[in-house]
Amino acid sequence: MNTNKKRSTCPVSSSLDIWGDKWSLLIIRDLMFSGECTYGDFLKSEEKISTNILAARLKHLEQHDIIKKLEHPKSKSKVLYRLTNKGISLVPVIVEINIWWHSFNEDVSEKSELILKKVANDKLAFIENTMNKLEQLNNNNEQK
């Protein structure tokens, strides 16, 4: 459902057009580690995204099939966001960004430190477990 014109056929450039801005990556990160989030959950993130940017980035990521919007099981006025399978495939990218940052910086959050310890222990297992957990969440929702 992509109506945007590509600037180039370079895979890096084209990928960055979809998810390469700061806010999109943070939305993907939050969904990767939470499984699902409401609009309000994203607003509570420590980076303090503004509502207009959040709405635009959620719409953009949904149009590119990175995230999907679902009905909230407990509230008709809320929706849940989850990564699609295409979005889940970005888990290794997010993990590598975390590893890269930690290679050059000691300043990481406690949550990131815990994740990085798991990754250091067995990166491939961490990636596989995270992706499987997210895929299972999607499969459970589709069966309902």
Protein backbone atom coordinates (compact mmCIF):
# COMPACT_ATOMS: atom_id res chain seq x y z
CA MET A 1 0.00 0.00 0.00
CA ASN A 2 2.97 2.27 -0.55
CA THR A 3 2.05 5.38 -2.48
CA ASN A 4 5.36 7.15 -1.83
CA LYS A 5 7.78 7.59 -4.68
CA LYS A 6 11.24 6.15 -4.06
CA ARG A 7 14.20 8.48 -4.19
CA SER A 8 16.45 5.69 -5.40
CA THR A 9 16.67 1.94 -5.85
CA CYS A 10 19.38 1.66 -3.20
CA PRO A 11 18.17 -0.80 -0.51
CA VAL A 12 19.65 1.31 2.30
CA SER A 13 18.03 4.51 1.07
CA SER A 14 14.68 2.84 0.40
CA SER A 15 14.68 1.16 3.82
CA LEU A 16 15.51 4.40 5.57
CA ASP A 17 12.60 6.07 3.78
CA ILE A 18 10.29 3.61 5.56
CA TRP A 19 11.74 3.24 9.06
CA GLY A 20 14.96 5.22 9.25
CA ASP A 21 13.82 8.25 11.19
CA LYS A 22 14.30 8.52 14.96
CA TRP A 23 10.65 8.18 15.88
CA SER A 24 9.87 5.17 13.68
CA LEU A 25 12.78 3.24 15.13
CA LEU A 26 11.66 4.08 18.67
CA ILE A 27 8.11 2.92 17.90
CA ILE A 28 9.52 -0.33 16.48
CA ARG A 29 11.75 -0.69 19.56
CA ASP A 30 8.82 -0.21 21.93
CA LEU A 31 6.71 -2.78 20.08
CA MET A 32 9.64 -5.17 19.90
CA PHE A 33 10.09 -5.24 23.66
CA SER A 34 6.46 -4.74 24.74
CA GLY A 35 4.72 -6.85 22.13
CA GLU A 36 1.88 -4.37 21.82
CA CYS A 37 1.26 -0.76 22.74
CA THR A 38 -1.56 1.73 22.82
CA TYR A 39 -1.20 5.30 21.58
CA GLY A 40 -0.87 6.37 25.21
CA ASP A 41 1.90 3.85 25.85
CA PHE A 42 4.01 5.47 23.12
CA LEU A 43 3.40 8.90 24.65
CA LYS A 44 4.77 7.64 28.00
CA SER A 45 8.12 6.71 26.44
CA GLU A 46 11.04 8.64 27.92
CA GLU A 47 11.79 10.28 24.56
CA LYS A 48 8.52 12.29 24.78
CA ILE A 49 7.25 12.11 21.20
CA SER A 50 4.70 14.78 20.31
CA THR A 51 1.19 13.65 19.43
CA ASN A 52 1.25 14.96 15.86
CA ILE A 53 4.53 13.22 15.06
CA LEU A 54 3.37 10.00 16.74
CA ALA A 55 0.15 9.96 14.71
CA ALA A 56 2.05 10.57 11.48
CA ARG A 57 4.69 7.91 12.17
CA LEU A 58 2.09 5.30 13.20
CA LYS A 59 0.15 5.96 9.99
CA HIS A 60 3.34 5.79 7.90
CA LEU A 61 4.48 2.51 9.48
CA GLU A 62 1.02 1.02 9.07
CA GLN A 63 0.91 2.03 5.39
CA HIS A 64 4.21 0.24 4.88
CA ASP A 65 3.00 -2.90 6.70
CA ILE A 66 5.56 -2.57 9.52
CA ILE A 67 2.86 -2.29 12.20
CA LYS A 68 -0.81 -3.13 12.40
CA LYS A 69 -3.67 -1.63 14.33
CA LEU A 70 -5.97 -3.93 16.32
CA GLU A 71 -9.10 -3.46 18.39
CA HIS A 72 -8.37 -3.14 22.09
CA PRO A 73 -10.02 -6.08 23.90
CA LYS A 74 -11.08 -3.96 26.90
CA SER A 75 -11.86 -0.57 25.39
CA LYS A 76 -13.64 0.42 22.20
CA SER A 77 -12.01 3.87 22.37
CA LYS A 78 -8.46 2.45 22.27
CA VAL A 79 -6.49 0.49 19.72
CA LEU A 80 -3.44 -1.72 20.06
CA TYR A 81 -0.45 -1.58 17.78
CA ARG A 82 1.73 -4.60 17.02
CA LEU A 83 4.56 -5.37 14.66
CA THR A 84 3.59 -7.27 11.52
CA ASN A 85 5.80 -10.10 10.30
CA LYS A 86 7.57 -7.51 8.16
CA GLY A 87 8.13 -5.40 11.28
CA ILE A 88 9.24 -8.42 13.30
CA SER A 89 11.93 -9.05 10.69
CA LEU A 90 13.57 -5.80 11.91
CA VAL A 91 14.41 -7.35 15.31
CA PRO A 92 18.00 -8.20 14.25
CA VAL A 93 18.48 -4.62 13.02
CA ILE A 94 17.38 -3.15 16.37
CA VAL A 95 19.59 -5.62 18.23
CA GLU A 96 22.60 -4.66 16.10
CA ILE A 97 21.93 -0.94 16.70
CA ASN A 98 21.97 -1.64 20.45
CA ILE A 99 25.22 -3.59 20.16
CA TRP A 100 26.81 -0.86 18.06
CA TRP A 101 25.84 1.85 20.57
CA HIS A 102 27.13 -0.16 23.52
CA SER A 103 30.46 -0.76 21.74
CA PHE A 104 31.21 2.95 21.87
CA ASN A 105 29.20 4.17 24.85
CA GLU A 106 28.81 3.12 28.44
CA ASP A 107 25.66 5.20 28.97
CA VAL A 108 22.71 2.79 28.56
CA SER A 109 19.49 2.38 30.49
CA GLU A 110 19.03 -0.46 32.98
CA LYS A 111 16.55 -2.10 30.63
CA SER A 112 19.02 -1.89 27.74
CA GLU A 113 21.79 -3.23 29.95
CA LEU A 114 19.70 -6.32 30.77
CA ILE A 115 18.91 -6.87 27.11
CA LEU A 116 22.55 -6.44 26.12
CA LYS A 117 23.61 -9.04 28.70
CA LYS A 118 21.15 -11.53 27.18
CA VAL A 119 22.41 -10.65 23.70
CA ALA A 120 26.05 -11.06 24.79
CA ASN A 121 25.24 -14.49 26.20
CA ASP A 122 23.68 -15.75 22.93
CA LYS A 123 22.73 -13.16 20.32
CA LEU A 124 21.13 -15.57 17.86
CA ALA A 125 19.01 -17.21 20.56
CA PHE A 126 17.89 -13.79 21.84
CA ILE A 127 16.87 -12.69 18.33
CA GLU A 128 15.11 -15.98 17.63
CA ASN A 129 13.27 -15.97 20.98
CA THR A 130 12.17 -12.36 20.56
CA MET A 131 10.93 -12.94 17.02
CA ASN A 132 9.14 -16.15 18.02
CA LYS A 133 7.41 -14.40 20.93
CA LEU A 134 6.18 -11.61 18.65
CA GLU A 135 5.06 -14.04 15.93
CA GLN A 136 3.20 -16.10 18.53
CA LEU A 137 1.42 -12.97 19.73
CA ASN A 138 0.31 -12.32 16.14
CA ASN A 139 -0.76 -15.94 15.62
CA ASN A 140 -2.81 -15.94 18.84
CA ASN A 141 -4.62 -12.79 17.74
CA GLU A 142 -5.40 -14.22 14.27
CA GLN A 143 -6.95 -17.35 15.83
CA LYS A 144 -9.46 -15.29 17.85
